[in-house]
Amino acid sequence: MRAMLSRRRFLAITGAAVVAGRGSDAAPVARWQGPALGTLAEVRLVGIETPGPIFAAIEAELGRIDRLFSLYRADSALVRLNRDGELVRPDPAFLELLTIARSVHHATEGAFDPTVQPMFALYAKAAAEGRAAQAGDIETVQHAVGFDRVTFDAQAVRFLRPGMAMTLNGIAQGYASDRIAALLRAQGLRDVMVNAGEVMAMGQGPTGPGWSVRLPGTEIRLRDQAVATSHRMGTQIDPWRGIGHIFDPSGRDRGRDSFVSVVHDSAAIADAISTASIVMENKLLKSFDSFGAKILLADAKTL
């Protein structure tokens, strides 16, 4: 799985990209980069002359988040949950993220579902063996999918069926951007861009008004908002069937082949909705207006 181009790295190249300030009027920007959740995270701070202590705090917080939600390290809380089927006394941040995920799961009528990880693992294993996933195996793992079969509280997170596993890759990067933005806001910073796989922008940016973010087919300005972009074929899992890394939890082979970007006050919510939008019909996407989300398609149309 690590050998594949990760979804977030793919989107960093072809999805949302923050446009650097241009011209002599641009305010000075301090820039930090480092690994987080399988991607290269970036933070830009406007008008900061001594960013060293701030950068150290960013690294520490992203390290903490990685130890909770990464699928790529054996000691992460998520990997332990997937291995044992139970996570005792979970970190409050783990519960916070699951609570956000549950709200989007309900809002999308189940289209956003972190328990699709067994489907991903099945297709990835078959592809590594040079074959297509078999129909019988697909049907078997489908019984292990269902976020309603996950319980969580301060005592434990538990799977209610054997063979279940979760991936938080469709929401954790956005959550990381939210957490870093909150950390910087608490330190009095108001002109910040965070990209831990999805972009959270605060303040005017180096040139104003807002931060300029390039998306597929368009460029937007963000101020105190986030944007997340998804594409079904960001990573191609099954080349025989043309199946990408975003799965319909119902098991049906459906999904748009274009980019979908979502603007929201929360990067975590934008991240999750953009993931779900790949397998949802346009008429259903319009319901997110009441959720405070703006949906942007690759042709620059707004739903």
Protein backbone atom coordinates (compact mmCIF):
# COMPACT_ATOMS: atom_id res chain seq x y z
CA MET A 1 0.00 0.00 0.00
CA ARG A 2 2.84 2.41 0.76
CA ALA A 3 4.30 1.86 -2.71
CA MET A 4 1.20 3.35 -4.30
CA LEU A 5 0.84 7.07 -4.79
CA SER A 6 -1.19 8.05 -1.74
CA ARG A 7 -4.46 9.85 -2.22
CA ARG A 8 -3.23 12.88 -0.31
CA ARG A 9 0.06 13.09 -2.19
CA PHE A 10 -1.87 12.81 -5.46
CA LEU A 11 -4.16 15.64 -4.44
CA ALA A 12 -1.24 17.78 -3.29
CA ILE A 13 0.01 17.53 -6.86
CA THR A 14 -3.24 17.70 -8.82
CA GLY A 15 -5.87 18.94 -6.37
CA ALA A 16 -5.79 21.92 -4.06
CA ALA A 17 -2.62 24.01 -4.15
CA VAL A 18 -2.03 27.25 -2.28
CA VAL A 19 -0.82 29.99 -4.60
CA ALA A 20 2.20 31.87 -3.27
CA GLY A 21 1.89 35.61 -2.76
CA ARG A 22 3.02 37.63 -5.76
CA GLY A 23 4.56 41.07 -6.06
CA SER A 24 6.47 43.44 -3.84
CA ASP A 25 3.40 44.12 -1.68
CA ALA A 26 3.26 40.50 -0.43
CA ALA A 27 3.87 40.19 3.31
CA PRO A 28 6.78 37.94 4.38
CA VAL A 29 5.73 34.32 4.90
CA ALA A 30 7.44 31.73 7.12
CA ARG A 31 6.99 28.22 5.75
CA TRP A 32 7.15 24.84 7.50
CA GLN A 33 6.99 21.43 5.80
CA GLY A 34 7.06 17.93 7.24
CA PRO A 35 5.49 14.47 7.08
CA ALA A 36 2.04 13.78 8.51
CA LEU A 37 -0.46 10.95 7.93
CA GLY A 38 1.27 9.71 4.81
CA THR A 39 1.54 13.07 3.08
CA LEU A 40 3.75 16.17 3.09
CA ALA A 41 2.13 18.75 5.32
CA GLU A 42 2.75 22.48 4.94
CA VAL A 43 2.07 25.49 7.15
CA ARG A 44 2.52 29.14 6.13
CA LEU A 45 2.60 31.97 8.65
CA VAL A 46 2.35 35.60 7.58
CA GLY A 47 4.52 38.22 9.30
CA ILE A 48 6.30 35.89 11.76
CA GLU A 49 9.98 36.75 12.27
CA THR A 50 10.98 34.00 14.73
CA PRO A 51 8.90 30.94 13.84
CA GLY A 52 11.15 28.31 15.45
CA PRO A 53 9.08 27.68 18.62
CA ILE A 54 5.86 27.68 16.58
CA PHE A 55 7.30 25.15 14.15
CA ALA A 56 8.27 22.91 17.07
CA ALA A 57 4.70 23.03 18.39
CA ILE A 58 3.34 22.16 14.93
CA GLU A 59 5.65 19.15 14.67
CA ALA A 60 4.65 17.93 18.12
CA GLU A 61 0.93 18.19 17.40
CA LEU A 62 1.18 16.48 14.01
CA GLY A 63 3.24 13.73 15.63
CA ARG A 64 0.48 13.21 18.19
CA ILE A 65 -2.17 13.07 15.47
CA ASP A 66 -0.08 10.61 13.45
CA ARG A 67 0.20 8.32 16.49
CA LEU A 68 -3.59 8.29 16.70
CA PHE A 69 -4.81 7.96 13.12
CA SER A 70 -2.03 6.64 10.89
CA LEU A 71 -2.51 3.34 9.08
CA TYR A 72 1.22 3.22 8.36
CA ARG A 73 2.68 2.78 11.84
CA ALA A 74 2.20 -0.33 13.96
CA ASP A 75 1.89 1.62 17.22
CA SER A 76 -0.94 3.96 16.16
CA ALA A 77 -4.25 3.84 18.01
CA LEU A 78 -6.09 3.10 14.75
CA VAL A 79 -3.83 0.16 13.84
CA ARG A 80 -4.27 -1.27 17.34
CA LEU A 81 -8.05 -0.91 17.04
CA ASN A 82 -8.05 -2.68 13.67
CA ARG A 83 -5.84 -5.45 15.06
CA ASP A 84 -7.73 -6.04 18.32
CA GLY A 85 -11.28 -4.97 17.45
CA GLU A 86 -11.24 -2.77 20.56
CA LEU A 87 -9.44 0.33 21.76
CA VAL A 88 -9.64 0.80 25.53
CA ARG A 89 -9.65 4.32 27.00
CA PRO A 90 -9.27 6.11 23.66
CA ASP A 91 -7.69 9.53 23.45
CA PRO A 92 -10.32 12.31 23.54
CA ALA A 93 -9.17 13.40 20.06
CA PHE A 94 -9.97 9.93 18.75
CA LEU A 95 -13.50 10.22 20.13
CA GLU A 96 -13.84 13.74 18.75
CA LEU A 97 -12.94 12.59 15.26
CA LEU A 98 -15.29 9.60 15.43
CA THR A 99 -18.09 11.93 16.54
CA ILE A 100 -17.50 14.17 13.51
CA ALA A 101 -17.35 11.10 11.28
CA ARG A 102 -20.66 9.85 12.70
CA SER A 103 -22.36 13.18 11.98
CA VAL A 104 -21.19 13.13 8.34
CA HIS A 105 -22.11 9.45 8.05
CA HIS A 106 -25.68 10.37 8.99
CA ALA A 107 -25.74 13.52 6.82
CA THR A 108 -24.59 11.54 3.76
CA GLU A 109 -27.02 8.70 4.43
CA GLY A 110 -24.12 6.32 4.92
CA ALA A 111 -22.07 7.33 1.86
CA PHE A 112 -19.24 8.37 4.19
CA ASP A 113 -18.23 5.24 6.09
CA PRO A 114 -14.77 4.72 7.65
CA THR A 115 -15.35 0.95 7.93
CA VAL A 116 -14.66 0.37 4.21
CA GLN A 117 -11.06 -0.53 5.08
CA PRO A 118 -11.65 -4.31 4.60
CA MET A 119 -12.77 -3.56 1.03
CA PHE A 120 -9.63 -1.52 0.40
CA ALA A 121 -7.44 -4.25 1.88
CA LEU A 122 -9.10 -6.93 -0.26
CA TYR A 123 -8.64 -5.03 -3.53
CA ALA A 124 -5.11 -3.98 -2.63
CA LYS A 125 -4.11 -7.58 -1.82
CA ALA A 126 -5.58 -8.88 -5.07
CA ALA A 127 -3.80 -6.17 -7.07
CA ALA A 128 -0.49 -6.97 -5.37
CA GLU A 129 -0.99 -10.59 -6.48
CA GLY A 130 -1.67 -9.49 -10.05
CA ARG A 131 -5.34 -10.44 -10.16
CA ALA A 132 -8.82 -8.99 -9.78
CA ALA A 133 -10.70 -9.33 -6.51
CA GLN A 134 -13.14 -12.25 -6.64
CA ALA A 135 -16.91 -11.73 -6.32
CA GLY A 136 -17.19 -14.16 -3.41
CA ASP A 137 -14.45 -12.39 -1.46
CA ILE A 138 -16.07 -9.03 -2.12
CA GLU A 139 -19.39 -10.31 -0.77
CA THR A 140 -17.68 -11.67 2.33
CA VAL A 141 -15.92 -8.45 3.29
CA GLN A 142 -19.09 -6.48 2.61
CA HIS A 143 -20.54 -8.02 5.78
CA ALA A 144 -17.75 -6.34 7.77
CA VAL A 145 -18.68 -2.85 6.52
CA GLY A 146 -21.03 -0.61 8.49
CA PHE A 147 -20.24 2.34 10.74
CA ASP A 148 -23.42 1.63 12.69
CA ARG A 149 -21.59 -1.46 13.99
CA VAL A 150 -18.97 0.66 15.73
CA THR A 151 -19.59 1.82 19.29
CA PHE A 152 -17.47 4.38 21.08
CA ASP A 153 -17.38 6.24 24.37
CA ALA A 154 -14.78 7.26 26.93
CA GLN A 155 -14.35 3.62 27.98
CA ALA A 156 -13.66 2.03 24.60
CA VAL A 157 -14.10 1.96 20.84
CA ARG A 158 -15.44 -1.44 19.74
CA PHE A 159 -16.26 -3.28 16.53
CA LEU A 160 -19.43 -5.34 16.82
CA ARG A 161 -18.57 -7.80 14.05
CA PRO A 162 -15.43 -9.84 13.36
CA GLY A 163 -13.26 -8.76 10.46
CA MET A 164 -14.09 -5.07 10.78
CA ALA A 165 -11.48 -2.35 10.32
CA MET A 166 -11.48 1.40 9.82
CA THR A 167 -9.62 3.89 7.71
CA LEU A 168 -9.78 7.54 8.71
CA ASN A 169 -7.92 8.72 5.60
CA GLY A 170 -11.10 10.38 4.35
CA ILE A 171 -11.30 12.74 7.34
CA ALA A 172 -8.11 12.65 9.44
CA GLN A 173 -6.05 14.92 7.17
CA GLY A 174 -8.76 17.57 7.35
CA TYR A 175 -8.93 17.09 11.11
CA ALA A 176 -5.17 17.59 11.32
CA SER A 177 -5.48 20.90 9.47
CA ASP A 178 -8.22 21.96 11.89
CA ARG A 179 -6.14 21.04 14.93
CA ILE A 180 -3.03 22.89 13.72
CA ALA A 181 -5.14 25.95 12.88
CA ALA A 182 -6.67 25.85 16.38
CA LEU A 183 -3.20 25.51 17.93
CA LEU A 184 -1.94 28.57 16.05
CA ARG A 185 -5.08 30.55 16.80
CA ALA A 186 -4.57 29.84 20.51
CA GLN A 187 -1.10 31.37 20.20
CA GLY A 188 -2.58 34.55 18.82
CA LEU A 189 -1.86 33.94 15.14
CA ARG A 190 -4.58 35.06 12.75
CA ASP A 191 -2.97 34.92 9.28
CA VAL A 192 -2.19 31.27 8.63
CA MET A 193 -2.55 28.57 5.98
CA VAL A 194 -2.42 24.89 6.99
CA ASN A 195 -2.34 22.03 4.49
CA ALA A 196 -2.11 18.58 6.07
CA GLY A 197 -3.74 17.06 3.00
CA GLU A 198 -6.66 19.51 3.00
CA VAL A 199 -6.38 23.29 3.26
CA MET A 200 -7.49 25.46 6.19
CA ALA A 201 -6.90 29.17 5.63
CA MET A 202 -7.19 31.94 8.23
CA GLY A 203 -6.87 35.66 7.69
CA GLN A 204 -5.92 37.78 4.69
CA GLY A 205 -2.97 35.80 3.33
CA PRO A 206 0.24 37.47 2.12
CA THR A 207 -1.52 39.70 -0.43
CA GLY A 208 -5.21 39.56 0.54
CA PRO A 209 -8.10 39.38 0.46
CA GLY A 210 -7.79 35.83 1.74
CA TRP A 211 -5.54 32.99 0.62
CA SER A 212 -5.53 32.06 -3.07
CA VAL A 213 -6.05 28.31 -3.57
CA ARG A 214 -5.86 26.64 -6.96
CA LEU A 215 -8.35 23.82 -7.55
CA PRO A 216 -8.96 21.67 -10.63
CA GLY A 217 -10.60 24.02 -13.14
CA THR A 218 -10.65 27.13 -10.98
CA GLU A 219 -8.97 29.27 -8.34
CA ILE A 220 -10.70 30.46 -5.18
CA ARG A 221 -9.98 32.78 -2.25
CA LEU A 222 -10.34 31.42 1.26
CA ARG A 223 -10.56 33.36 4.47
CA ASP A 224 -11.37 31.53 7.72
CA GLN A 225 -12.55 28.54 5.71
CA ALA A 226 -11.30 25.16 4.52
CA VAL A 227 -11.38 23.33 1.20
CA ALA A 228 -10.98 19.60 0.54
CA THR A 229 -10.68 17.86 -2.82
CA SER A 230 -11.32 14.21 -3.68
CA HIS A 231 -11.01 12.08 -6.79
CA ARG A 232 -12.00 8.42 -7.04
CA MET A 233 -8.90 7.46 -9.02
CA GLY A 234 -6.42 9.33 -6.84
CA THR A 235 -5.00 5.87 -6.27
CA GLN A 236 -6.01 3.08 -8.66
CA ILE A 237 -6.51 -0.07 -6.61
CA ASP A 238 -7.96 -2.54 -9.15
CA PRO A 239 -6.76 -1.82 -12.71
CA TRP A 240 -8.82 -4.70 -14.07
CA ARG A 241 -12.10 -3.15 -12.96
CA GLY A 242 -11.00 0.47 -12.91
CA ILE A 243 -11.61 0.80 -9.17
CA GLY A 244 -9.99 3.57 -7.19
CA HIS A 245 -9.38 4.12 -3.50
CA ILE A 246 -12.80 5.60 -2.61
CA PHE A 247 -15.40 2.87 -2.14
CA ASP A 248 -19.17 2.99 -2.06
CA PRO A 249 -19.99 1.38 1.33
CA SER A 250 -23.01 -0.34 -0.26
CA GLY A 251 -20.65 -2.37 -2.44
CA ARG A 252 -22.03 -1.00 -5.68
CA ASP A 253 -19.50 -0.07 -8.34
CA ARG A 254 -20.37 3.58 -8.78
CA GLY A 255 -18.65 6.89 -8.48
CA ARG A 256 -17.93 10.01 -10.48
CA ASP A 257 -14.58 10.19 -12.23
CA SER A 258 -14.15 13.95 -11.78
CA PHE A 259 -12.71 15.97 -8.91
CA VAL A 260 -15.05 17.24 -6.22
CA SER A 261 -14.02 20.08 -3.89
CA VAL A 262 -15.92 21.10 -0.78
CA VAL A 263 -15.66 24.43 1.08
CA HIS A 264 -16.65 24.45 4.75
CA ASP A 265 -15.70 26.11 8.03
CA SER A 266 -14.20 22.77 9.16
CA ALA A 267 -11.50 21.01 7.14
CA ALA A 268 -12.50 17.66 8.70
CA ILE A 269 -16.11 18.05 7.56
CA ALA A 270 -15.03 19.29 4.12
CA ASP A 271 -12.71 16.29 3.85
CA ALA A 272 -15.41 13.76 4.76
CA ILE A 273 -18.07 15.33 2.53
CA SER A 274 -15.72 15.49 -0.45
CA THR A 275 -14.98 11.78 0.04
CA ALA A 276 -18.67 10.88 0.23
CA SER A 277 -19.51 13.12 -2.74
CA ILE A 278 -17.60 10.82 -5.08
CA VAL A 279 -20.29 8.13 -4.69
CA MET A 280 -23.33 10.42 -4.36
CA GLU A 281 -25.66 11.75 -7.05
CA ASN A 282 -25.75 15.49 -7.74
CA LYS A 283 -29.31 15.83 -6.48
CA LEU A 284 -28.20 14.46 -3.11
CA LEU A 285 -25.19 16.76 -2.95
CA LYS A 286 -27.48 19.78 -2.95
CA SER A 287 -28.72 18.73 0.49
CA PHE A 288 -25.36 19.82 1.93
CA ASP A 289 -26.41 23.46 1.61
CA SER A 290 -28.13 23.04 4.97
CA PHE A 291 -24.88 21.55 6.33
CA GLY A 292 -23.03 24.76 5.46
CA ALA A 293 -21.00 23.14 2.68
CA LYS A 294 -20.35 24.46 -0.82
CA ILE A 295 -19.73 21.80 -3.47
CA LEU A 296 -17.43 22.64 -6.40
CA LEU A 297 -17.09 20.27 -9.36
CA ALA A 298 -14.00 20.04 -11.58
CA ASP A 299 -15.69 22.11 -14.31
CA ALA A 300 -15.84 24.99 -11.79
CA LYS A 301 -19.60 24.62 -11.41
CA THR A 302 -21.12 25.12 -7.98
CA LEU A 303 -23.96 22.88 -6.90
